[in-house]
């Protein structure tokens, strides 16, 4: 016959409940804490994603600006600076890059201007393209 100390069982359940609440809070707030190392540079990010061509590099830069630099929107000047910071060859016409990536559905115009220039945000298609390392999924 097993004799249980109800106070001990109650205390154990209370401890487990507290642990579960902490884990749930962490998951709701973006996941378990991860040791933060040195922040990835835009150059490292571009090398990791390995986009081919200026238009794809522009999409990767936009992704970096939104997700790493925490910009709510970006403009031509931001993307141009991203090319410079990543030490990538600047496209001949940055406005054409913005226009064509918008036409393809990777960018869309933001509601407000940024630094008195037309501003853009990445679409979910643009995000997925970068997250899949520029491999377009084949539709069956």
N, C-alpha and C. Protein backbone atom coordinates (compact mmCIF):
# COMPACT_ATOMS: atom_id res chain seq x y z
N UNK A 1 0.83 -1.18 0.00
CA UNK A 1 0.00 0.00 0.00
C UNK A 1 0.88 1.25 0.00
N UNK A 2 0.57 2.19 -0.90
CA UNK A 2 1.34 3.44 -1.00
C UNK A 2 0.60 4.52 -0.24
N UNK A 3 1.33 5.20 0.63
CA UNK A 3 0.75 6.29 1.39
C UNK A 3 1.24 7.60 0.76
N UNK A 4 0.30 8.45 0.35
CA UNK A 4 0.64 9.72 -0.27
C UNK A 4 0.44 10.86 0.71
N UNK A 5 1.41 11.73 0.73
CA UNK A 5 1.28 12.95 1.51
C UNK A 5 0.62 13.98 0.61
N UNK A 6 -0.64 14.30 0.87
CA UNK A 6 -1.40 15.21 0.01
C UNK A 6 -0.75 16.58 -0.09
N UNK A 7 -0.15 17.03 0.97
CA UNK A 7 0.53 18.33 0.91
C UNK A 7 1.70 18.30 -0.07
N UNK A 8 2.44 17.20 -0.07
CA UNK A 8 3.57 17.06 -0.98
C UNK A 8 3.08 16.96 -2.43
N UNK A 9 2.02 16.23 -2.67
CA UNK A 9 1.44 16.10 -4.01
C UNK A 9 0.95 17.47 -4.47
N UNK A 10 0.28 18.20 -3.61
CA UNK A 10 -0.22 19.53 -3.93
C UNK A 10 0.92 20.47 -4.30
N UNK A 11 2.00 20.43 -3.52
CA UNK A 11 3.16 21.30 -3.77
C UNK A 11 3.81 20.96 -5.11
N UNK A 12 3.94 19.67 -5.41
CA UNK A 12 4.53 19.24 -6.67
C UNK A 12 3.67 19.71 -7.84
N UNK A 13 2.36 19.56 -7.73
CA UNK A 13 1.46 20.02 -8.79
C UNK A 13 1.55 21.53 -8.98
N UNK A 14 1.69 22.26 -7.90
CA UNK A 14 1.81 23.72 -7.97
C UNK A 14 3.10 24.11 -8.71
N UNK A 15 4.20 23.42 -8.40
CA UNK A 15 5.47 23.69 -9.08
C UNK A 15 5.38 23.39 -10.57
N UNK A 16 4.74 22.28 -10.92
CA UNK A 16 4.58 21.92 -12.33
C UNK A 16 3.71 22.95 -13.05
N UNK A 17 2.66 23.40 -12.38
CA UNK A 17 1.78 24.40 -12.96
C UNK A 17 2.54 25.69 -13.25
N UNK A 18 3.38 26.13 -12.31
CA UNK A 18 4.17 27.35 -12.50
C UNK A 18 5.15 27.20 -13.67
N UNK A 19 5.77 26.03 -13.77
CA UNK A 19 6.71 25.78 -14.87
C UNK A 19 5.98 25.82 -16.21
N UNK A 20 4.81 25.20 -16.28
CA UNK A 20 4.03 25.19 -17.52
C UNK A 20 3.60 26.60 -17.91
N UNK A 21 3.20 27.42 -16.94
CA UNK A 21 2.81 28.80 -17.23
C UNK A 21 3.98 29.58 -17.83
N UNK A 22 5.18 29.41 -17.28
CA UNK A 22 6.36 30.09 -17.80
C UNK A 22 6.65 29.66 -19.24
N UNK A 23 6.56 28.37 -19.49
CA UNK A 23 6.82 27.85 -20.84
C UNK A 23 5.78 28.40 -21.82
N UNK A 24 4.51 28.42 -21.43
CA UNK A 24 3.45 28.95 -22.28
C UNK A 24 3.69 30.43 -22.59
N UNK A 25 4.08 31.21 -21.58
CA UNK A 25 4.36 32.63 -21.79
C UNK A 25 5.51 32.82 -22.78
N UNK A 26 6.56 32.02 -22.62
CA UNK A 26 7.69 32.13 -23.53
C UNK A 26 7.28 31.78 -24.96
N UNK A 27 6.47 30.76 -25.13
CA UNK A 27 6.03 30.37 -26.46
C UNK A 27 5.14 31.44 -27.08
N UNK A 28 4.28 32.06 -26.28
CA UNK A 28 3.42 33.12 -26.78
C UNK A 28 4.20 34.38 -27.13
N UNK A 29 5.34 34.56 -26.51
CA UNK A 29 6.17 35.73 -26.76
C UNK A 29 7.29 35.45 -27.75
N UNK A 30 7.09 34.50 -28.65
CA UNK A 30 8.07 34.29 -29.71
C UNK A 30 9.01 33.13 -29.50
N UNK A 31 8.74 32.27 -28.58
CA UNK A 31 9.57 31.08 -28.42
C UNK A 31 10.45 31.13 -27.18
N UNK A 32 11.15 30.06 -27.01
CA UNK A 32 12.04 29.95 -25.85
C UNK A 32 13.22 30.88 -26.03
N UNK A 33 13.73 31.43 -24.93
CA UNK A 33 14.85 32.35 -25.06
C UNK A 33 16.07 31.64 -25.65
N UNK A 34 16.72 32.33 -26.56
CA UNK A 34 17.92 31.80 -27.19
C UNK A 34 19.06 32.73 -26.86
N UNK A 35 20.20 32.16 -26.58
CA UNK A 35 21.35 33.00 -26.31
C UNK A 35 21.62 33.85 -27.54
N UNK A 36 21.68 35.15 -27.33
CA UNK A 36 21.91 36.05 -28.45
C UNK A 36 23.40 36.17 -28.69
N UNK A 37 23.77 35.85 -29.90
CA UNK A 37 25.14 36.05 -30.30
C UNK A 37 25.25 37.37 -31.03
N UNK A 38 26.31 37.50 -31.75
CA UNK A 38 26.52 38.70 -32.54
C UNK A 38 25.47 38.73 -33.65
N UNK A 39 24.89 39.90 -33.87
CA UNK A 39 23.87 40.05 -34.90
C UNK A 39 24.48 39.83 -36.27
N UNK A 40 23.73 39.15 -37.13
CA UNK A 40 24.18 38.84 -38.48
C UNK A 40 24.20 40.11 -39.32
N UNK A 41 25.27 40.33 -40.04
CA UNK A 41 25.37 41.50 -40.91
C UNK A 41 24.57 41.25 -42.18
N UNK A 42 24.28 42.32 -42.90
CA UNK A 42 23.55 42.18 -44.15
C UNK A 42 24.37 41.37 -45.16
N UNK A 43 25.67 41.51 -45.13
CA UNK A 43 26.54 40.74 -46.03
C UNK A 43 26.42 39.25 -45.73
N UNK A 44 26.49 38.89 -44.44
CA UNK A 44 26.36 37.49 -44.04
C UNK A 44 24.99 36.93 -44.45
N UNK A 45 23.96 37.76 -44.28
CA UNK A 45 22.61 37.33 -44.64
C UNK A 45 22.52 37.05 -46.15
N UNK A 46 23.06 37.94 -46.95
CA UNK A 46 23.04 37.77 -48.41
C UNK A 46 23.81 36.50 -48.80
N UNK A 47 24.97 36.30 -48.20
CA UNK A 47 25.76 35.11 -48.51
C UNK A 47 25.00 33.83 -48.12
N UNK A 48 24.29 33.88 -47.01
CA UNK A 48 23.54 32.71 -46.54
C UNK A 48 22.37 32.39 -47.48
N UNK A 49 21.67 33.41 -47.94
CA UNK A 49 20.49 33.21 -48.79
C UNK A 49 20.87 32.97 -50.25
N UNK A 50 22.01 33.46 -50.66
CA UNK A 50 22.56 33.25 -52.00
C UNK A 50 21.59 33.59 -53.14
N UNK A 51 21.04 34.82 -53.12
CA UNK A 51 20.14 35.20 -54.21
C UNK A 51 20.93 35.41 -55.50
N UNK A 52 20.30 35.09 -56.62
CA UNK A 52 20.94 35.26 -57.93
C UNK A 52 20.32 36.48 -58.61
N UNK A 53 21.15 37.41 -59.02
CA UNK A 53 20.69 38.60 -59.75
C UNK A 53 20.28 39.73 -58.83
N UNK A 54 20.32 40.92 -59.38
CA UNK A 54 20.06 42.14 -58.61
C UNK A 54 18.65 42.17 -58.03
N UNK A 55 17.66 41.70 -58.80
CA UNK A 55 16.27 41.76 -58.32
C UNK A 55 16.09 40.88 -57.08
N UNK A 56 16.67 39.70 -57.09
CA UNK A 56 16.57 38.83 -55.92
C UNK A 56 17.40 39.36 -54.75
N UNK A 57 18.55 39.95 -55.06
CA UNK A 57 19.35 40.57 -53.98
C UNK A 57 18.53 41.69 -53.34
N UNK A 58 17.81 42.45 -54.16
CA UNK A 58 16.95 43.51 -53.63
C UNK A 58 15.87 42.97 -52.70
N UNK A 59 15.30 41.83 -53.05
CA UNK A 59 14.28 41.20 -52.20
C UNK A 59 14.91 40.75 -50.88
N UNK A 60 16.10 40.16 -50.96
CA UNK A 60 16.79 39.72 -49.74
C UNK A 60 17.13 40.92 -48.85
N UNK A 61 17.55 42.01 -49.46
CA UNK A 61 17.86 43.22 -48.69
C UNK A 61 16.60 43.73 -48.00
N UNK A 62 15.49 43.75 -48.73
CA UNK A 62 14.22 44.20 -48.15
C UNK A 62 13.84 43.33 -46.95
N UNK A 63 14.01 42.03 -47.10
CA UNK A 63 13.71 41.10 -46.00
C UNK A 63 14.59 41.42 -44.79
N UNK A 64 15.87 41.62 -45.05
CA UNK A 64 16.80 41.95 -43.96
C UNK A 64 16.38 43.25 -43.27
N UNK A 65 16.03 44.26 -44.07
CA UNK A 65 15.65 45.55 -43.49
C UNK A 65 14.42 45.42 -42.59
N UNK A 66 13.45 44.62 -43.03
CA UNK A 66 12.23 44.46 -42.22
C UNK A 66 12.46 43.58 -40.99
N UNK A 67 13.22 42.51 -41.14
CA UNK A 67 13.32 41.52 -40.07
C UNK A 67 14.53 41.70 -39.17
N UNK A 68 15.62 42.21 -39.68
CA UNK A 68 16.81 42.39 -38.85
C UNK A 68 17.00 43.83 -38.42
N UNK A 69 16.78 44.76 -39.36
CA UNK A 69 16.93 46.18 -39.04
C UNK A 69 15.63 46.74 -38.47
N UNK A 70 14.57 45.92 -38.45
CA UNK A 70 13.27 46.27 -37.85
C UNK A 70 12.64 47.52 -38.47
N UNK A 71 12.80 47.69 -39.79
CA UNK A 71 12.14 48.79 -40.49
C UNK A 71 10.72 48.37 -40.81
N UNK A 72 9.77 49.26 -40.58
CA UNK A 72 8.37 48.93 -40.90
C UNK A 72 8.11 49.06 -42.39
N UNK A 73 8.91 49.86 -43.09
CA UNK A 73 8.86 49.98 -44.54
C UNK A 73 10.24 50.42 -45.01
N UNK A 74 10.45 50.37 -46.32
CA UNK A 74 11.74 50.76 -46.89
C UNK A 74 11.50 51.51 -48.18
N UNK A 75 12.49 52.28 -48.58
CA UNK A 75 12.39 53.03 -49.83
C UNK A 75 13.61 52.74 -50.71
N UNK A 76 13.67 53.39 -51.85
CA UNK A 76 14.78 53.17 -52.78
C UNK A 76 16.13 53.43 -52.12
N UNK A 77 16.20 54.50 -51.33
CA UNK A 77 17.46 54.85 -50.68
C UNK A 77 17.89 53.77 -49.69
N UNK A 78 16.93 53.17 -48.97
CA UNK A 78 17.25 52.11 -48.01
C UNK A 78 17.81 50.89 -48.74
N UNK A 79 17.17 50.51 -49.83
CA UNK A 79 17.62 49.33 -50.58
C UNK A 79 18.98 49.61 -51.21
N UNK A 80 19.17 50.82 -51.73
CA UNK A 80 20.47 51.18 -52.30
C UNK A 80 21.56 51.10 -51.23
N UNK A 81 21.26 51.61 -50.04
CA UNK A 81 22.24 51.54 -48.94
C UNK A 81 22.50 50.09 -48.56
N UNK A 82 21.48 49.25 -48.63
CA UNK A 82 21.65 47.82 -48.36
C UNK A 82 22.63 47.18 -49.33
N UNK A 83 22.52 47.54 -50.62
CA UNK A 83 23.48 47.04 -51.61
C UNK A 83 24.89 47.48 -51.24
N UNK A 84 25.02 48.74 -50.84
CA UNK A 84 26.35 49.26 -50.46
C UNK A 84 26.88 48.54 -49.22
N UNK A 85 26.04 48.39 -48.21
CA UNK A 85 26.46 47.73 -46.97
C UNK A 85 26.85 46.27 -47.20
N UNK A 86 26.15 45.62 -48.14
CA UNK A 86 26.45 44.22 -48.44
C UNK A 86 27.60 44.09 -49.45
N UNK A 87 28.07 45.24 -49.92
CA UNK A 87 29.16 45.30 -50.91
C UNK A 87 28.79 44.54 -52.18
N UNK A 88 27.52 44.71 -52.58
CA UNK A 88 27.02 44.13 -53.82
C UNK A 88 27.01 45.21 -54.90
N UNK A 89 27.13 44.79 -56.15
CA UNK A 89 27.10 45.72 -57.27
C UNK A 89 25.72 46.38 -57.32
N UNK A 90 25.72 47.71 -57.36
CA UNK A 90 24.45 48.43 -57.43
C UNK A 90 23.78 48.21 -58.78
N UNK A 91 22.47 48.01 -58.77
CA UNK A 91 21.78 47.92 -60.06
C UNK A 91 21.82 49.29 -60.74
N UNK A 92 21.75 49.28 -62.06
CA UNK A 92 21.81 50.55 -62.81
C UNK A 92 20.63 51.44 -62.48
N UNK A 93 19.47 50.84 -62.22
CA UNK A 93 18.27 51.63 -61.96
C UNK A 93 17.52 51.01 -60.76
N UNK A 94 17.74 51.57 -59.60
CA UNK A 94 17.14 51.02 -58.38
C UNK A 94 15.62 51.15 -58.42
N UNK A 95 15.11 52.22 -59.05
CA UNK A 95 13.65 52.41 -59.14
C UNK A 95 13.02 51.31 -59.98
N UNK A 96 13.74 50.86 -61.02
CA UNK A 96 13.25 49.77 -61.85
C UNK A 96 13.19 48.47 -61.04
N UNK A 97 14.18 48.25 -60.20
CA UNK A 97 14.18 47.08 -59.31
C UNK A 97 12.95 47.10 -58.41
N UNK A 98 12.66 48.26 -57.84
CA UNK A 98 11.50 48.39 -56.95
C UNK A 98 10.21 48.15 -57.73
N UNK A 99 10.12 48.75 -58.92
CA UNK A 99 8.93 48.63 -59.75
C UNK A 99 8.69 47.17 -60.16
N UNK A 100 9.74 46.51 -60.65
CA UNK A 100 9.57 45.14 -61.14
C UNK A 100 9.28 44.16 -60.00
N UNK A 101 9.89 44.36 -58.84
CA UNK A 101 9.59 43.48 -57.70
C UNK A 101 8.17 43.73 -57.18
N UNK A 102 7.66 44.93 -57.38
CA UNK A 102 6.26 45.21 -57.04
C UNK A 102 5.34 44.53 -58.05
N UNK A 103 5.68 44.65 -59.33
CA UNK A 103 4.88 44.02 -60.40
C UNK A 103 4.81 42.51 -60.22
N UNK A 104 5.91 41.90 -59.77
CA UNK A 104 5.96 40.45 -59.57
C UNK A 104 5.26 40.01 -58.28
N UNK A 105 4.89 40.99 -57.43
CA UNK A 105 4.17 40.67 -56.20
C UNK A 105 5.05 40.42 -55.00
N UNK A 106 6.32 40.80 -55.07
CA UNK A 106 7.22 40.60 -53.93
C UNK A 106 7.25 41.81 -53.01
N UNK A 107 6.99 42.99 -53.55
CA UNK A 107 6.87 44.23 -52.77
C UNK A 107 5.46 44.77 -53.00
N UNK A 108 5.01 45.61 -52.07
CA UNK A 108 3.81 46.41 -52.31
C UNK A 108 4.04 47.77 -51.67
N UNK A 109 3.34 48.75 -52.21
CA UNK A 109 3.50 50.10 -51.68
C UNK A 109 2.97 50.19 -50.26
N UNK A 110 3.70 50.91 -49.44
CA UNK A 110 3.26 51.16 -48.06
C UNK A 110 2.25 52.30 -48.09
N UNK A 111 1.49 52.42 -47.02
CA UNK A 111 0.46 53.46 -46.96
C UNK A 111 1.07 54.86 -46.89
N UNK A 112 2.20 54.96 -46.24
CA UNK A 112 2.79 56.29 -46.02
C UNK A 112 4.16 56.39 -46.65
N UNK A 113 4.57 57.62 -46.93
CA UNK A 113 5.92 57.87 -47.45
C UNK A 113 6.94 57.62 -46.35
N UNK A 114 8.16 57.38 -46.76
CA UNK A 114 9.26 57.25 -45.80
C UNK A 114 10.34 58.22 -46.25
N UNK A 115 10.67 59.19 -45.42
CA UNK A 115 11.64 60.23 -45.76
C UNK A 115 11.24 60.94 -47.07
N UNK A 116 9.95 61.21 -47.20
CA UNK A 116 9.38 61.87 -48.38
C UNK A 116 9.58 61.11 -49.68
N UNK A 117 9.82 59.81 -49.59
CA UNK A 117 9.94 58.95 -50.77
C UNK A 117 8.89 57.86 -50.70
N UNK A 118 8.50 57.34 -51.87
CA UNK A 118 7.57 56.22 -51.91
C UNK A 118 8.16 55.07 -51.11
N UNK A 119 7.34 54.47 -50.27
CA UNK A 119 7.81 53.40 -49.40
C UNK A 119 7.15 52.09 -49.79
N UNK A 120 7.81 51.00 -49.44
CA UNK A 120 7.36 49.66 -49.79
C UNK A 120 7.44 48.76 -48.57
N UNK A 121 6.70 47.66 -48.63
CA UNK A 121 6.83 46.57 -47.67
C UNK A 121 6.92 45.28 -48.46
N UNK A 122 7.50 44.29 -47.85
CA UNK A 122 7.62 42.98 -48.47
C UNK A 122 6.27 42.27 -48.36
N UNK A 123 5.85 41.58 -49.40
CA UNK A 123 4.62 40.79 -49.35
C UNK A 123 4.94 39.42 -48.75
N UNK A 124 3.90 38.65 -48.47
CA UNK A 124 4.15 37.30 -47.96
C UNK A 124 4.85 36.46 -49.02
N UNK A 125 4.56 36.71 -50.31
CA UNK A 125 5.27 35.99 -51.38
C UNK A 125 6.76 36.31 -51.35
N UNK A 126 7.09 37.57 -51.12
CA UNK A 126 8.49 37.97 -51.02
C UNK A 126 9.16 37.33 -49.82
N UNK A 127 8.46 37.30 -48.70
CA UNK A 127 9.02 36.67 -47.50
C UNK A 127 9.29 35.18 -47.74
N UNK A 128 8.30 34.50 -48.32
CA UNK A 128 8.45 33.06 -48.56
C UNK A 128 9.60 32.78 -49.52
N UNK A 129 9.76 33.62 -50.52
CA UNK A 129 10.84 33.44 -51.48
C UNK A 129 12.20 33.46 -50.78
N UNK A 130 12.39 34.43 -49.89
CA UNK A 130 13.65 34.54 -49.16
C UNK A 130 13.80 33.37 -48.18
N UNK A 131 12.74 33.07 -47.45
CA UNK A 131 12.80 32.00 -46.45
C UNK A 131 13.07 30.64 -47.09
N UNK A 132 12.68 30.48 -48.36
CA UNK A 132 12.94 29.23 -49.09
C UNK A 132 14.22 29.33 -49.93
N UNK A 133 15.06 30.29 -49.58
CA UNK A 133 16.36 30.49 -50.26
C UNK A 133 16.21 30.61 -51.77
N UNK A 134 15.17 31.31 -52.20
CA UNK A 134 14.91 31.64 -53.61
C UNK A 134 14.62 30.41 -54.47
N UNK A 135 14.20 29.35 -53.82
CA UNK A 135 13.74 28.18 -54.57
C UNK A 135 12.22 28.27 -54.63
N UNK A 136 11.72 28.46 -55.82
CA UNK A 136 10.27 28.56 -55.99
C UNK A 136 9.67 27.17 -55.88
N UNK A 137 8.60 27.07 -55.08
CA UNK A 137 7.98 25.76 -54.89
C UNK A 137 7.25 25.35 -56.16
N UNK A 138 7.38 24.07 -56.48
CA UNK A 138 6.71 23.57 -57.68
C UNK A 138 5.28 23.19 -57.31
N UNK A 139 4.34 23.70 -58.08
CA UNK A 139 2.91 23.43 -57.81
C UNK A 139 2.51 22.17 -58.55
N UNK A 140 1.82 21.29 -57.84
CA UNK A 140 1.36 20.04 -58.45
C UNK A 140 -0.11 20.09 -58.68
